[in-house]
PDB file of all heavy atoms in Angstrom:
ATOM      1  N   ARG A   1      -6.180  12.243 -16.416  1.00  0.00           N
ATOM      2  CA  ARG A   1      -6.341  13.237 -17.475  1.00  0.00           C
ATOM      3  C   ARG A   1      -6.901  14.563 -16.972  1.00  0.00           C
ATOM      4  O   ARG A   1      -7.053  15.490 -17.743  1.00  0.00           O
ATOM      5  CB  ARG A   1      -7.241  12.669 -18.560  1.00  0.00           C
ATOM      6  CG  ARG A   1      -6.566  11.461 -19.209  1.00  0.00           C
ATOM      7  CD  ARG A   1      -7.274  11.044 -20.455  1.00  0.00           C
ATOM      8  NE  ARG A   1      -6.500   9.952 -21.046  1.00  0.00           N
ATOM      9  CZ  ARG A   1      -6.980   8.778 -21.315  1.00  0.00           C
ATOM     10  NH1 ARG A   1      -8.250   8.523 -21.128  1.00  0.00           N
ATOM     11  NH2 ARG A   1      -6.228   7.842 -21.838  1.00  0.00           N
ATOM     12  N   GLN A   2      -7.222  14.646 -15.719  1.00  0.00           N
ATOM     13  CA  GLN A   2      -7.783  15.869 -15.175  1.00  0.00           C
ATOM     14  C   GLN A   2      -6.654  16.781 -14.684  1.00  0.00           C
ATOM     15  O   GLN A   2      -5.658  16.306 -14.163  1.00  0.00           O
ATOM     16  CB  GLN A   2      -8.709  15.544 -13.999  1.00  0.00           C
ATOM     17  CG  GLN A   2      -9.877  14.675 -14.372  1.00  0.00           C
ATOM     18  CD  GLN A   2     -10.656  14.234 -13.150  1.00  0.00           C
ATOM     19  OE1 GLN A   2     -10.511  14.801 -12.072  1.00  0.00           O
ATOM     20  NE2 GLN A   2     -11.479  13.221 -13.308  1.00  0.00           N
ATOM     21  N   PRO A   3      -6.821  18.098 -14.833  1.00  0.00           N
ATOM     22  CA  PRO A   3      -5.785  19.005 -14.313  1.00  0.00           C
ATOM     23  C   PRO A   3      -5.729  18.953 -12.794  1.00  0.00           C
ATOM     24  O   PRO A   3      -6.723  18.650 -12.127  1.00  0.00           O
ATOM     25  CB  PRO A   3      -6.208  20.382 -14.812  1.00  0.00           C
ATOM     26  CG  PRO A   3      -7.625  20.253 -15.230  1.00  0.00           C
ATOM     27  CD  PRO A   3      -7.895  18.813 -15.493  1.00  0.00           C
ATOM     28  N   LEU A   4      -4.569  19.242 -12.262  1.00  0.00           N
ATOM     29  CA  LEU A   4      -4.394  19.274 -10.813  1.00  0.00           C
ATOM     30  C   LEU A   4      -5.011  20.542 -10.252  1.00  0.00           C
ATOM     31  O   LEU A   4      -4.783  21.632 -10.766  1.00  0.00           O
ATOM     32  CB  LEU A   4      -2.901  19.223 -10.467  1.00  0.00           C
ATOM     33  CG  LEU A   4      -2.155  17.984 -10.922  1.00  0.00           C
ATOM     34  CD1 LEU A   4      -0.683  18.089 -10.532  1.00  0.00           C
ATOM     35  CD2 LEU A   4      -2.777  16.731 -10.363  1.00  0.00           C
ATOM     36  N   THR A   5      -5.807  20.371  -9.213  1.00  0.00           N
ATOM     37  CA  THR A   5      -6.436  21.493  -8.521  1.00  0.00           C
ATOM     38  C   THR A   5      -6.420  21.203  -7.030  1.00  0.00           C
ATOM     39  O   THR A   5      -6.504  20.050  -6.604  1.00  0.00           O
ATOM     40  CB  THR A   5      -7.888  21.729  -8.991  1.00  0.00           C
ATOM     41  OG1 THR A   5      -8.635  20.526  -8.787  1.00  0.00           O
ATOM     42  CG2 THR A   5      -7.958  22.141 -10.441  1.00  0.00           C
ATOM     43  N   THR A   6      -6.341  22.272  -6.232  1.00  0.00           N
ATOM     44  CA  THR A   6      -6.411  22.116  -4.786  1.00  0.00           C
ATOM     45  C   THR A   6      -7.745  21.466  -4.415  1.00  0.00           C
ATOM     46  O   THR A   6      -8.784  21.824  -4.963  1.00  0.00           O
ATOM     47  CB  THR A   6      -6.260  23.476  -4.106  1.00  0.00           C
ATOM     48  OG1 THR A   6      -5.022  24.056  -4.497  1.00  0.00           O
ATOM     49  CG2 THR A   6      -6.275  23.339  -2.595  1.00  0.00           C
ATOM     50  N   GLY A   7      -7.686  20.497  -3.512  1.00  0.00           N
ATOM     51  CA  GLY A   7      -8.884  19.798  -3.062  1.00  0.00           C
ATOM     52  C   GLY A   7      -9.149  18.489  -3.797  1.00  0.00           C
ATOM     53  O   GLY A   7      -9.960  17.688  -3.352  1.00  0.00           O
ATOM     54  N   ARG A   8      -8.518  18.307  -4.943  1.00  0.00           N
ATOM     55  CA  ARG A   8      -8.697  17.065  -5.679  1.00  0.00           C
ATOM     56  C   ARG A   8      -8.119  15.909  -4.872  1.00  0.00           C
ATOM     57  O   ARG A   8      -7.088  16.057  -4.216  1.00  0.00           O
ATOM     58  CB  ARG A   8      -8.016  17.149  -7.029  1.00  0.00           C
ATOM     59  CG  ARG A   8      -8.766  16.357  -8.065  1.00  0.00           C
ATOM     60  CD  ARG A   8      -8.237  16.592  -9.433  1.00  0.00           C
ATOM     61  NE  ARG A   8      -7.654  15.309  -9.819  1.00  0.00           N
ATOM     62  CZ  ARG A   8      -6.735  15.167 -10.724  1.00  0.00           C
ATOM     63  NH1 ARG A   8      -6.246  16.197 -11.334  1.00  0.00           N
ATOM     64  NH2 ARG A   8      -6.278  13.977 -11.014  1.00  0.00           N
ATOM     65  N   SER A   9      -8.761  14.750  -4.919  1.00  0.00           N
ATOM     66  CA  SER A   9      -8.308  13.625  -4.116  1.00  0.00           C
ATOM     67  C   SER A   9      -8.443  12.312  -4.872  1.00  0.00           C
ATOM     68  O   SER A   9      -9.125  12.245  -5.904  1.00  0.00           O
ATOM     69  CB  SER A   9      -9.091  13.552  -2.805  1.00  0.00           C
ATOM     70  OG  SER A   9     -10.452  13.250  -3.073  1.00  0.00           O
ATOM     71  N   ALA A  10      -7.793  11.298  -4.326  1.00  0.00           N
ATOM     72  CA  ALA A  10      -7.907   9.927  -4.842  1.00  0.00           C
ATOM     73  C   ALA A  10      -7.771   9.006  -3.656  1.00  0.00           C
ATOM     74  O   ALA A  10      -7.136   9.349  -2.650  1.00  0.00           O
ATOM     75  CB  ALA A  10      -6.819   9.661  -5.871  1.00  0.00           C
ATOM     76  N   GLN A  11      -8.381   7.833  -3.755  1.00  0.00           N
ATOM     77  CA  GLN A  11      -8.246   6.884  -2.652  1.00  0.00           C
ATOM     78  C   GLN A  11      -8.234   5.454  -3.187  1.00  0.00           C
ATOM     79  O   GLN A  11      -8.641   5.195  -4.325  1.00  0.00           O
ATOM     80  CB  GLN A  11      -9.376   7.055  -1.632  1.00  0.00           C
ATOM     81  CG  GLN A  11     -10.756   6.700  -2.096  1.00  0.00           C
ATOM     82  CD  GLN A  11     -11.781   6.937  -0.993  1.00  0.00           C
ATOM     83  OE1 GLN A  11     -11.695   7.913  -0.251  1.00  0.00           O
ATOM     84  NE2 GLN A  11     -12.745   6.064  -0.905  1.00  0.00           N
ATOM     85  N   ILE A  12      -7.758   4.570  -2.340  1.00  0.00           N
ATOM     86  CA  ILE A  12      -7.689   3.149  -2.649  1.00  0.00           C
ATOM     87  C   ILE A  12      -7.990   2.381  -1.374  1.00  0.00           C
ATOM     88  O   ILE A  12      -7.634   2.836  -0.275  1.00  0.00           O
ATOM     89  CB  ILE A  12      -6.298   2.768  -3.212  1.00  0.00           C
ATOM     90  CG1 ILE A  12      -6.254   1.321  -3.670  1.00  0.00           C
ATOM     91  CG2 ILE A  12      -5.200   3.052  -2.203  1.00  0.00           C
ATOM     92  CD1 ILE A  12      -4.965   0.964  -4.403  1.00  0.00           C
ATOM     93  N   THR A  13      -8.665   1.255  -1.527  1.00  0.00           N
ATOM     94  CA  THR A  13      -8.927   0.378  -0.373  1.00  0.00           C
ATOM     95  C   THR A  13      -8.260  -0.958  -0.640  1.00  0.00           C
ATOM     96  O   THR A  13      -8.379  -1.513  -1.748  1.00  0.00           O
ATOM     97  CB  THR A  13     -10.444   0.186  -0.170  1.00  0.00           C
ATOM     98  OG1 THR A  13     -11.028   1.473   0.100  1.00  0.00           O
ATOM     99  CG2 THR A  13     -10.723  -0.728   1.009  1.00  0.00           C
ATOM    100  N   ARG A  14      -7.560  -1.453   0.358  1.00  0.00           N
ATOM    101  CA  ARG A  14      -6.816  -2.710   0.232  1.00  0.00           C
ATOM    102  C   ARG A  14      -6.866  -3.454   1.544  1.00  0.00           C
ATOM    103  O   ARG A  14      -6.763  -2.859   2.613  1.00  0.00           O
ATOM    104  CB  ARG A  14      -5.369  -2.391  -0.155  1.00  0.00           C
ATOM    105  CG  ARG A  14      -4.384  -3.538  -0.043  1.00  0.00           C
ATOM    106  CD  ARG A  14      -4.291  -4.313  -1.334  1.00  0.00           C
ATOM    107  NE  ARG A  14      -3.561  -5.555  -1.142  1.00  0.00           N
ATOM    108  CZ  ARG A  14      -2.315  -5.769  -1.465  1.00  0.00           C
ATOM    109  NH1 ARG A  14      -1.592  -4.802  -1.977  1.00  0.00           N
ATOM    110  NH2 ARG A  14      -1.750  -6.941  -1.259  1.00  0.00           N
ATOM    111  N   THR A  15      -7.015  -4.767   1.460  1.00  0.00           N
ATOM    112  CA  THR A  15      -6.944  -5.634   2.619  1.00  0.00           C
ATOM    113  C   THR A  15      -5.643  -6.417   2.550  1.00  0.00           C
ATOM    114  O   THR A  15      -5.391  -7.102   1.547  1.00  0.00           O
ATOM    115  CB  THR A  15      -8.151  -6.619   2.637  1.00  0.00           C
ATOM    116  OG1 THR A  15      -9.346  -5.859   2.657  1.00  0.00           O
ATOM    117  CG2 THR A  15      -8.086  -7.519   3.873  1.00  0.00           C
ATOM    118  N   PHE A  16      -4.822  -6.306   3.577  1.00  0.00           N
ATOM    119  CA  PHE A  16      -3.560  -7.036   3.630  1.00  0.00           C
ATOM    120  C   PHE A  16      -3.769  -8.333   4.405  1.00  0.00           C
ATOM    121  O   PHE A  16      -4.443  -8.360   5.435  1.00  0.00           O
ATOM    122  CB  PHE A  16      -2.466  -6.190   4.301  1.00  0.00           C
ATOM    123  CG  PHE A  16      -2.072  -5.010   3.469  1.00  0.00           C
ATOM    124  CD1 PHE A  16      -2.540  -3.740   3.783  1.00  0.00           C
ATOM    125  CD2 PHE A  16      -1.213  -5.158   2.377  1.00  0.00           C
ATOM    126  CE1 PHE A  16      -2.176  -2.636   3.016  1.00  0.00           C
ATOM    127  CE2 PHE A  16      -0.856  -4.047   1.604  1.00  0.00           C
ATOM    128  CZ  PHE A  16      -1.332  -2.797   1.932  1.00  0.00           C
ATOM    129  N   ASN A  17      -3.150  -9.410   3.909  1.00  0.00           N
ATOM    130  CA  ASN A  17      -3.253 -10.709   4.561  1.00  0.00           C
ATOM    131  C   ASN A  17      -1.864 -11.169   4.999  1.00  0.00           C
ATOM    132  O   ASN A  17      -0.856 -10.526   4.675  1.00  0.00           O
ATOM    133  CB  ASN A  17      -3.940 -11.711   3.630  1.00  0.00           C
ATOM    134  CG  ASN A  17      -3.163 -11.906   2.337  1.00  0.00           C
ATOM    135  OD1 ASN A  17      -1.948 -12.077   2.341  1.00  0.00           O
ATOM    136  ND2 ASN A  17      -3.864 -11.884   1.214  1.00  0.00           N
ATOM    137  N   PRO A  18      -1.791 -12.276   5.732  1.00  0.00           N
ATOM    138  CA  PRO A  18      -0.475 -12.753   6.198  1.00  0.00           C
ATOM    139  C   PRO A  18       0.537 -12.997   5.074  1.00  0.00           C
ATOM    140  O   PRO A  18       1.736 -12.780   5.266  1.00  0.00           O
ATOM    141  CB  PRO A  18      -0.820 -14.048   6.946  1.00  0.00           C
ATOM    142  CG  PRO A  18      -2.216 -13.820   7.449  1.00  0.00           C
ATOM    143  CD  PRO A  18      -2.887 -13.036   6.332  1.00  0.00           C
ATOM    144  N   ALA A  19       0.072 -13.390   3.896  1.00  0.00           N
ATOM    145  CA  ALA A  19       0.989 -13.599   2.785  1.00  0.00           C
ATOM    146  C   ALA A  19       1.638 -12.283   2.351  1.00  0.00           C
ATOM    147  O   ALA A  19       2.816 -12.259   1.952  1.00  0.00           O
ATOM    148  CB  ALA A  19       0.251 -14.240   1.598  1.00  0.00           C
ATOM    149  N   ASP A  20       0.921 -11.160   2.434  1.00  0.00           N
ATOM    150  CA  ASP A  20       1.487  -9.857   2.105  1.00  0.00           C
ATOM    151  C   ASP A  20       2.608  -9.496   3.088  1.00  0.00           C
ATOM    152  O   ASP A  20       3.650  -8.984   2.690  1.00  0.00           O
ATOM    153  CB  ASP A  20       0.419  -8.769   2.144  1.00  0.00           C
ATOM    154  CG  ASP A  20      -0.676  -8.970   1.113  1.00  0.00           C
ATOM    155  OD1 ASP A  20      -0.361  -9.325  -0.040  1.00  0.00           O
ATOM    156  OD2 ASP A  20      -1.857  -8.739   1.462  1.00  0.00           O
ATOM    157  N   ILE A  21       2.377  -9.779   4.349  1.00  0.00           N
ATOM    158  CA  ILE A  21       3.381  -9.472   5.381  1.00  0.00           C
ATOM    159  C   ILE A  21       4.610 -10.347   5.177  1.00  0.00           C
ATOM    160  O   ILE A  21       5.752  -9.893   5.267  1.00  0.00           O
ATOM    161  CB  ILE A  21       2.785  -9.657   6.808  1.00  0.00           C
ATOM    162  CG1 ILE A  21       1.831  -8.496   7.190  1.00  0.00           C
ATOM    163  CG2 ILE A  21       3.873  -9.669   7.853  1.00  0.00           C
ATOM    164  CD1 ILE A  21       0.639  -8.262   6.452  1.00  0.00           C
ATOM    165  N   GLN A  22       4.391 -11.615   4.817  1.00  0.00           N
ATOM    166  CA  GLN A  22       5.494 -12.530   4.532  1.00  0.00           C
ATOM    167  C   GLN A  22       6.288 -12.059   3.315  1.00  0.00           C
ATOM    168  O   GLN A  22       7.521 -12.099   3.319  1.00  0.00           O
ATOM    169  CB  GLN A  22       4.959 -13.948   4.307  1.00  0.00           C
ATOM    170  CG  GLN A  22       6.056 -14.969   4.020  1.00  0.00           C
ATOM    171  CD  GLN A  22       6.993 -15.179   5.176  1.00  0.00           C
ATOM    172  OE1 GLN A  22       6.574 -15.228   6.323  1.00  0.00           O
ATOM    173  NE2 GLN A  22       8.289 -15.269   4.888  1.00  0.00           N
ATOM    174  N   ALA A  23       5.606 -11.594   2.289  1.00  0.00           N
ATOM    175  CA  ALA A  23       6.298 -11.100   1.077  1.00  0.00           C
ATOM    176  C   ALA A  23       7.139  -9.883   1.404  1.00  0.00           C
ATOM    177  O   ALA A  23       8.277  -9.764   0.927  1.00  0.00           O
ATOM    178  CB  ALA A  23       5.271 -10.770  -0.016  1.00  0.00           C
ATOM    179  N   LEU A  24       6.621  -8.965   2.221  1.00  0.00           N
ATOM    180  CA  LEU A  24       7.403  -7.794   2.636  1.00  0.00           C
ATOM    181  C   LEU A  24       8.653  -8.253   3.384  1.00  0.00           C
ATOM    182  O   LEU A  24       9.742  -7.760   3.139  1.00  0.00           O
ATOM    183  CB  LEU A  24       6.570  -6.849   3.499  1.00  0.00           C
ATOM    184  CG  LEU A  24       7.334  -5.651   4.074  1.00  0.00           C
ATOM    185  CD1 LEU A  24       7.776  -4.704   2.966  1.00  0.00           C
ATOM    186  CD2 LEU A  24       6.477  -4.924   5.092  1.00  0.00           C
ATOM    187  N   HIS A  25       8.481  -9.202   4.281  1.00  0.00           N
ATOM    188  CA  HIS A  25       9.607  -9.736   5.054  1.00  0.00           C
ATOM    189  C   HIS A  25      10.654 -10.349   4.117  1.00  0.00           C
ATOM    190  O   HIS A  25      11.857 -10.132   4.291  1.00  0.00           O
ATOM    191  CB  HIS A  25       9.126 -10.763   6.066  1.00  0.00           C
ATOM    192  CG  HIS A  25      10.226 -11.469   6.783  1.00  0.00           C
ATOM    193  ND1 HIS A  25      10.992 -10.859   7.737  1.00  0.00           N
ATOM    194  CD2 HIS A  25      10.707 -12.727   6.626  1.00  0.00           C
ATOM    195  CE1 HIS A  25      11.901 -11.713   8.172  1.00  0.00           C
ATOM    196  NE2 HIS A  25      11.756 -12.860   7.510  1.00  0.00           N
ATOM    197  N   ALA A  26      10.194 -11.086   3.114  1.00  0.00           N
ATOM    198  CA  ALA A  26      11.116 -11.768   2.188  1.00  0.00           C
ATOM    199  C   ALA A  26      11.968 -10.787   1.388  1.00  0.00           C
ATOM    200  O   ALA A  26      13.150 -11.038   1.162  1.00  0.00           O
ATOM    201  CB  ALA A  26      10.335 -12.668   1.240  1.00  0.00           C
ATOM    202  N   VAL A  27      11.392  -9.659   0.986  1.00  0.00           N
ATOM    203  CA  VAL A  27      12.145  -8.726   0.159  1.00  0.00           C
ATOM    204  C   VAL A  27      12.893  -7.663   0.952  1.00  0.00           C
ATOM    205  O   VAL A  27      13.875  -7.097   0.469  1.00  0.00           O
ATOM    206  CB  VAL A  27      11.273  -8.032  -0.911  1.00  0.00           C
ATOM    207  CG1 VAL A  27      10.704  -9.031  -1.869  1.00  0.00           C
ATOM    208  CG2 VAL A  27      10.198  -7.177  -0.301  1.00  0.00           C
ATOM    209  N   SER A  28      12.442  -7.397   2.197  1.00  0.00           N
ATOM    210  CA  SER A  28      13.063  -6.294   2.944  1.00  0.00           C
ATOM    211  C   SER A  28      13.693  -6.698   4.269  1.00  0.00           C
ATOM    212  O   SER A  28      14.433  -5.930   4.849  1.00  0.00           O
ATOM    213  CB  SER A  28      12.021  -5.208   3.208  1.00  0.00           C
ATOM    214  OG  SER A  28      11.081  -5.659   4.164  1.00  0.00           O
ATOM    215  N   GLY A  29      13.329  -7.858   4.759  1.00  0.00           N
ATOM    216  CA  GLY A  29      13.804  -8.234   6.092  1.00  0.00           C
ATOM    217  C   GLY A  29      13.021  -7.595   7.205  1.00  0.00           C
ATOM    218  O   GLY A  29      13.388  -7.713   8.377  1.00  0.00           O
ATOM    219  N   ALA A  30      11.923  -6.906   6.876  1.00  0.00           N
ATOM    220  CA  ALA A  30      11.094  -6.275   7.899  1.00  0.00           C
ATOM    221  C   ALA A  30      10.600  -7.340   8.876  1.00  0.00           C
ATOM    222  O   ALA A  30      10.344  -8.467   8.476  1.00  0.00           O
ATOM    223  CB  ALA A  30       9.908  -5.555   7.251  1.00  0.00           C
ATOM    224  N   PRO A  31      10.459  -6.979  10.136  1.00  0.00           N
ATOM    225  CA  PRO A  31       9.971  -7.953  11.106  1.00  0.00           C
ATOM    226  C   PRO A  31       8.586  -8.501  10.720  1.00  0.00           C
ATOM    227  O   PRO A  31       7.764  -7.788  10.177  1.00  0.00           O
ATOM    228  CB  PRO A  31       9.883  -7.167  12.419  1.00  0.00           C
ATOM    229  CG  PRO A  31      10.705  -5.952  12.209  1.00  0.00           C
ATOM    230  CD  PRO A  31      10.717  -5.678  10.734  1.00  0.00           C
ATOM    231  N   LEU A  32       8.394  -9.776  11.006  1.00  0.00           N
ATOM    232  CA  LEU A  32       7.092 -10.388  10.771  1.00  0.00           C
ATOM    233  C   LEU A  32       6.144  -9.979  11.886  1.00  0.00           C
ATOM    234  O   LEU A  32       6.510  -9.962  13.051  1.00  0.00           O
ATOM    235  CB  LEU A  32       7.225 -11.915  10.737  1.00  0.00           C
ATOM    236  CG  LEU A  32       7.865 -12.489   9.485  1.00  0.00           C
ATOM    237  CD1 LEU A  32       8.117 -13.965   9.660  1.00  0.00           C
ATOM    238  CD2 LEU A  32       6.994 -12.224   8.276  1.00  0.00           C
ATOM    239  N   SER A  33       4.932  -9.640  11.505  1.00  0.00           N
ATOM    240  CA  SER A  33       3.914  -9.255  12.488  1.00  0.00           C
ATOM    241  C   SER A  33       2.735 -10.205  12.364  1.00  0.00           C
ATOM    242  O   SER A  33       2.312 -10.541  11.260  1.00  0.00           O
ATOM    243  CB  SER A  33       3.449  -7.828  12.222  1.00  0.00           C
ATOM    244  OG  SER A  33       2.342  -7.513  13.046  1.00  0.00           O
TER     245      SER A  33
END
């Protein structure tokens, strides 16, 4: 709801686990790491 202004920011923190990598592989065929 805030107007856009130069310098405004947003962030997110996320921890990826092996199941996330497997899910990406399942939907995209991306190599498993």
